[in-house]
Amino acid sequence: MEREQLRAESTLVVTVKSSSEFHDDVADGIERLERNEATDSPPTLSFTSYDDLMGTLTPRVLDLIEAVRRAKPASINETARVVDRDVKNVHEELARLAQLGVIFFEEDGQRKRPVVWFDELVINLPFDPETGDTAAAAS
């Protein structure tokens, strides 16, 4: 999604799906777009295992996301000050979150301002024994 579209959204859904489920969802979405059908599902971030989700969205990372959303820091350095952490570590975590689409950066000269575009993060954890990767991660 484009940044302007993301700004109109208020919820990011995070879920765990097997690779094949993710592939099927993407293929279905492409088919709907080709038929010019509306896709009104919220932006979703999918992980292939519970371990991947929990390894990425740790309490420390969730605190960072919340701090960026609340304080609206003007730069990565200011973000590090807000959370009282090392700039290098904060930069690495923010870069990873940007790769995942959880945040994006607005550039202002030399500064990169992190932006959290959603108001709510919903974590959906299916307990379906047929999902393969997720069932193995839960064992």
C-alpha atoms as a PDB file:
ATOM      1  CA  MET A   1       0.000   0.000   0.000  1.00  0.00           C
ATOM      2  CA  GLU A   2       1.072   3.550  -0.611  1.00  0.00           C
ATOM      3  CA  ARG A   3       1.757   5.815   2.360  1.00  0.00           C
ATOM      4  CA  GLU A   4      -1.369   7.874   1.715  1.00  0.00           C
ATOM      5  CA  GLN A   5      -3.475   4.724   1.738  1.00  0.00           C
ATOM      6  CA  LEU A   6      -1.800   3.539   4.929  1.00  0.00           C
ATOM      7  CA  ARG A   7      -2.540   6.841   6.646  1.00  0.00           C
ATOM      8  CA  ALA A   8      -6.251   6.213   5.982  1.00  0.00           C
ATOM      9  CA  GLU A   9      -6.038   2.844   7.754  1.00  0.00           C
ATOM     10  CA  SER A  10      -6.214   2.587  11.512  1.00  0.00           C
ATOM     11  CA  THR A  11      -5.513  -1.099  12.133  1.00  0.00           C
ATOM     12  CA  LEU A  12      -2.640  -3.430  11.325  1.00  0.00           C
ATOM     13  CA  VAL A  13      -3.526  -7.112  11.601  1.00  0.00           C
ATOM     14  CA  VAL A  14      -0.678  -9.473  12.462  1.00  0.00           C
ATOM     15  CA  THR A  15      -1.219 -13.178  11.963  1.00  0.00           C
ATOM     16  CA  VAL A  16       0.501 -16.516  11.543  1.00  0.00           C
ATOM     17  CA  LYS A  17      -0.067 -18.436   8.305  1.00  0.00           C
ATOM     18  CA  SER A  18       1.720 -21.220   6.548  1.00  0.00           C
ATOM     19  CA  SER A  19       3.594 -20.339   3.378  1.00  0.00           C
ATOM     20  CA  SER A  20       0.929 -22.050   1.268  1.00  0.00           C
ATOM     21  CA  GLU A  21      -1.908 -20.147   2.986  1.00  0.00           C
ATOM     22  CA  PHE A  22      -0.051 -16.879   2.431  1.00  0.00           C
ATOM     23  CA  HIS A  23       0.501 -17.761  -1.236  1.00  0.00           C
ATOM     24  CA  ASP A  24      -3.200 -18.628  -1.669  1.00  0.00           C
ATOM     25  CA  ASP A  25      -4.272 -15.329  -0.064  1.00  0.00           C
ATOM     26  CA  VAL A  26      -1.968 -13.331  -2.344  1.00  0.00           C
ATOM     27  CA  ALA A  27      -3.191 -15.210  -5.431  1.00  0.00           C
ATOM     28  CA  ASP A  28      -6.834 -14.595  -4.408  1.00  0.00           C
ATOM     29  CA  GLY A  29      -6.101 -10.902  -3.901  1.00  0.00           C
ATOM     30  CA  ILE A  30      -4.493 -10.605  -7.326  1.00  0.00           C
ATOM     31  CA  GLU A  31      -7.470 -12.326  -8.936  1.00  0.00           C
ATOM     32  CA  ARG A  32      -9.879  -9.910  -7.199  1.00  0.00           C
ATOM     33  CA  LEU A  33      -7.845  -6.945  -8.404  1.00  0.00           C
ATOM     34  CA  GLU A  34      -7.812  -8.304 -11.963  1.00  0.00           C
ATOM     35  CA  ARG A  35     -11.633  -8.527 -11.813  1.00  0.00           C
ATOM     36  CA  ASN A  36     -11.724  -4.953 -10.430  1.00  0.00           C
ATOM     37  CA  GLU A  37     -13.347  -6.213  -7.230  1.00  0.00           C
ATOM     38  CA  ALA A  38     -12.850  -4.224  -4.059  1.00  0.00           C
ATOM     39  CA  THR A  39     -10.461  -5.600  -1.500  1.00  0.00           C
ATOM     40  CA  ASP A  40     -11.582  -4.224   1.811  1.00  0.00           C
ATOM     41  CA  SER A  41      -9.454  -6.352   4.108  1.00  0.00           C
ATOM     42  CA  PRO A  42      -7.198  -4.443   6.505  1.00  0.00           C
ATOM     43  CA  PRO A  43      -3.427  -4.354   5.961  1.00  0.00           C
ATOM     44  CA  THR A  44      -2.022  -7.629   7.278  1.00  0.00           C
ATOM     45  CA  LEU A  45       1.451  -8.746   8.278  1.00  0.00           C
ATOM     46  CA  SER A  46       1.808 -12.533   8.187  1.00  0.00           C
ATOM     47  CA  PHE A  47       4.474 -14.668   9.831  1.00  0.00           C
ATOM     48  CA  THR A  48       5.017 -18.347   9.039  1.00  0.00           C
ATOM     49  CA  SER A  49       5.453 -19.398  12.671  1.00  0.00           C
ATOM     50  CA  TYR A  50       4.663 -18.291  16.178  1.00  0.00           C
ATOM     51  CA  ASP A  51       8.403 -18.164  16.857  1.00  0.00           C
ATOM     52  CA  ASP A  52       8.929 -15.684  13.990  1.00  0.00           C
ATOM     53  CA  LEU A  53       6.095 -13.479  15.226  1.00  0.00           C
ATOM     54  CA  MET A  54       7.283 -13.524  18.843  1.00  0.00           C
ATOM     55  CA  GLY A  55      10.916 -13.048  17.798  1.00  0.00           C
ATOM     56  CA  THR A  56       9.991  -9.974  15.774  1.00  0.00           C
ATOM     57  CA  LEU A  57       7.320  -8.300  17.892  1.00  0.00           C
ATOM     58  CA  THR A  58       9.056  -8.602  21.241  1.00  0.00           C
ATOM     59  CA  PRO A  59       7.887  -6.470  24.185  1.00  0.00           C
ATOM     60  CA  ARG A  60      10.878  -4.184  23.531  1.00  0.00           C
ATOM     61  CA  VAL A  61       9.877  -3.704  19.873  1.00  0.00           C
ATOM     62  CA  LEU A  62       6.234  -3.138  20.822  1.00  0.00           C
ATOM     63  CA  ASP A  63       7.393  -0.486  23.312  1.00  0.00           C
ATOM     64  CA  LEU A  64       9.406   1.151  20.515  1.00  0.00           C
ATOM     65  CA  ILE A  65       6.375   1.165  18.192  1.00  0.00           C
ATOM     66  CA  GLU A  66       4.214   2.667  20.935  1.00  0.00           C
ATOM     67  CA  ALA A  67       6.844   5.333  21.734  1.00  0.00           C
ATOM     68  CA  VAL A  68       7.084   6.374  18.075  1.00  0.00           C
ATOM     69  CA  ARG A  69       3.295   6.527  17.814  1.00  0.00           C
ATOM     70  CA  ARG A  70       2.905   8.515  21.040  1.00  0.00           C
ATOM     71  CA  ALA A  71       5.937  10.862  20.934  1.00  0.00           C
ATOM     72  CA  LYS A  72       6.167  11.376  17.152  1.00  0.00           C
ATOM     73  CA  PRO A  73       9.962  11.851  17.266  1.00  0.00           C
ATOM     74  CA  ALA A  74      11.515  13.935  14.487  1.00  0.00           C
ATOM     75  CA  SER A  75      14.453  11.574  13.864  1.00  0.00           C
ATOM     76  CA  ILE A  76      15.998   8.231  14.699  1.00  0.00           C
ATOM     77  CA  ASN A  77      18.294   9.944  17.221  1.00  0.00           C
ATOM     78  CA  GLU A  78      15.319  11.523  18.949  1.00  0.00           C
ATOM     79  CA  THR A  79      13.555   8.154  18.939  1.00  0.00           C
ATOM     80  CA  ALA A  80      16.552   6.623  20.723  1.00  0.00           C
ATOM     81  CA  ARG A  81      16.391   9.386  23.337  1.00  0.00           C
ATOM     82  CA  VAL A  82      12.659   8.858  23.845  1.00  0.00           C
ATOM     83  CA  VAL A  83      13.135   5.152  24.563  1.00  0.00           C
ATOM     84  CA  ASP A  84      16.495   5.692  26.332  1.00  0.00           C
ATOM     85  CA  ARG A  85      18.333   3.201  24.137  1.00  0.00           C
ATOM     86  CA  ASP A  86      21.391   3.033  21.899  1.00  0.00           C
ATOM     87  CA  VAL A  87      20.903   4.812  18.555  1.00  0.00           C
ATOM     88  CA  LYS A  88      22.438   1.954  16.539  1.00  0.00           C
ATOM     89  CA  ASN A  89      20.090  -0.602  18.094  1.00  0.00           C
ATOM     90  CA  VAL A  90      17.033   1.616  17.616  1.00  0.00           C
ATOM     91  CA  HIS A  91      18.048   2.298  14.006  1.00  0.00           C
ATOM     92  CA  GLU A  92      18.347  -1.447  13.303  1.00  0.00           C
ATOM     93  CA  GLU A  93      14.948  -2.184  14.844  1.00  0.00           C
ATOM     94  CA  LEU A  94      13.277   0.689  12.997  1.00  0.00           C
ATOM     95  CA  ALA A  95      14.844  -0.437   9.704  1.00  0.00           C
ATOM     96  CA  ARG A  96      13.485  -3.959  10.263  1.00  0.00           C
ATOM     97  CA  LEU A  97      10.027  -2.574  11.084  1.00  0.00           C
ATOM     98  CA  ALA A  98      10.142  -0.467   7.911  1.00  0.00           C
ATOM     99  CA  GLN A  99      11.037  -3.563   5.844  1.00  0.00           C
ATOM    100  CA  LEU A 100       7.973  -5.279   7.287  1.00  0.00           C
ATOM    101  CA  GLY A 101       5.727  -2.278   6.605  1.00  0.00           C
ATOM    102  CA  VAL A 102       5.000  -1.654  10.272  1.00  0.00           C
ATOM    103  CA  ILE A 103       6.467   1.844  10.019  1.00  0.00           C
ATOM    104  CA  PHE A 104       7.766   4.067   7.272  1.00  0.00           C
ATOM    105  CA  PHE A 105      10.247   6.918   7.234  1.00  0.00           C
ATOM    106  CA  GLU A 106       9.606  10.473   6.142  1.00  0.00           C
ATOM    107  CA  GLU A 107      12.818  12.135   5.059  1.00  0.00           C
ATOM    108  CA  ASP A 108      13.490  15.729   6.035  1.00  0.00           C
ATOM    109  CA  GLY A 109      16.952  16.668   4.796  1.00  0.00           C
ATOM    110  CA  GLN A 110      19.369  14.423   6.661  1.00  0.00           C
ATOM    111  CA  ARG A 111      16.723  13.304   9.128  1.00  0.00           C
ATOM    112  CA  LYS A 112      14.571  10.232   8.812  1.00  0.00           C
ATOM    113  CA  ARG A 113      11.429  10.503  10.893  1.00  0.00           C
ATOM    114  CA  PRO A 114       9.805   7.166  11.787  1.00  0.00           C
ATOM    115  CA  VAL A 115       6.030   7.091  11.366  1.00  0.00           C
ATOM    116  CA  VAL A 116       3.662   4.509  12.815  1.00  0.00           C
ATOM    117  CA  TRP A 117       0.643   4.707  10.522  1.00  0.00           C
ATOM    118  CA  PHE A 118      -1.868   2.666  12.566  1.00  0.00           C
ATOM    119  CA  ASP A 119      -3.727   3.274  15.836  1.00  0.00           C
ATOM    120  CA  GLU A 120      -4.288  -0.363  16.667  1.00  0.00           C
ATOM    121  CA  LEU A 121      -2.309  -3.558  16.206  1.00  0.00           C
ATOM    122  CA  VAL A 122      -4.435  -6.708  16.265  1.00  0.00           C
ATOM    123  CA  ILE A 123      -2.677 -10.047  16.636  1.00  0.00           C
ATOM    124  CA  ASN A 124      -4.652 -12.965  15.241  1.00  0.00           C
ATOM    125  CA  LEU A 125      -3.288 -16.361  16.312  1.00  0.00           C
ATOM    126  CA  PRO A 126      -5.104 -19.242  14.639  1.00  0.00           C
ATOM    127  CA  PHE A 127      -4.859 -22.610  16.359  1.00  0.00           C
ATOM    128  CA  ASP A 128      -5.556 -24.728  13.298  1.00  0.00           C
ATOM    129  CA  PRO A 129      -3.755 -28.082  13.195  1.00  0.00           C
ATOM    130  CA  GLU A 130      -3.861 -28.025   9.376  1.00  0.00           C
ATOM    131  CA  THR A 131      -1.653 -24.935   8.992  1.00  0.00           C
ATOM    132  CA  GLY A 132       1.555 -26.961   9.030  1.00  0.00           C
ATOM    133  CA  ASP A 133       4.229 -24.398   9.970  1.00  0.00           C
ATOM    134  CA  THR A 134       2.141 -22.870  12.755  1.00  0.00           C
ATOM    135  CA  ALA A 135       1.268 -26.200  14.321  1.00  0.00           C
ATOM    136  CA  ALA A 136       4.925 -27.193  14.370  1.00  0.00           C
ATOM    137  CA  ALA A 137       5.857 -23.932  16.033  1.00  0.00           C
ATOM    138  CA  ALA A 138       3.271 -24.446  18.751  1.00  0.00           C
ATOM    139  CA  SER A 139       4.588 -27.902  19.683  1.00  0.00           C
END
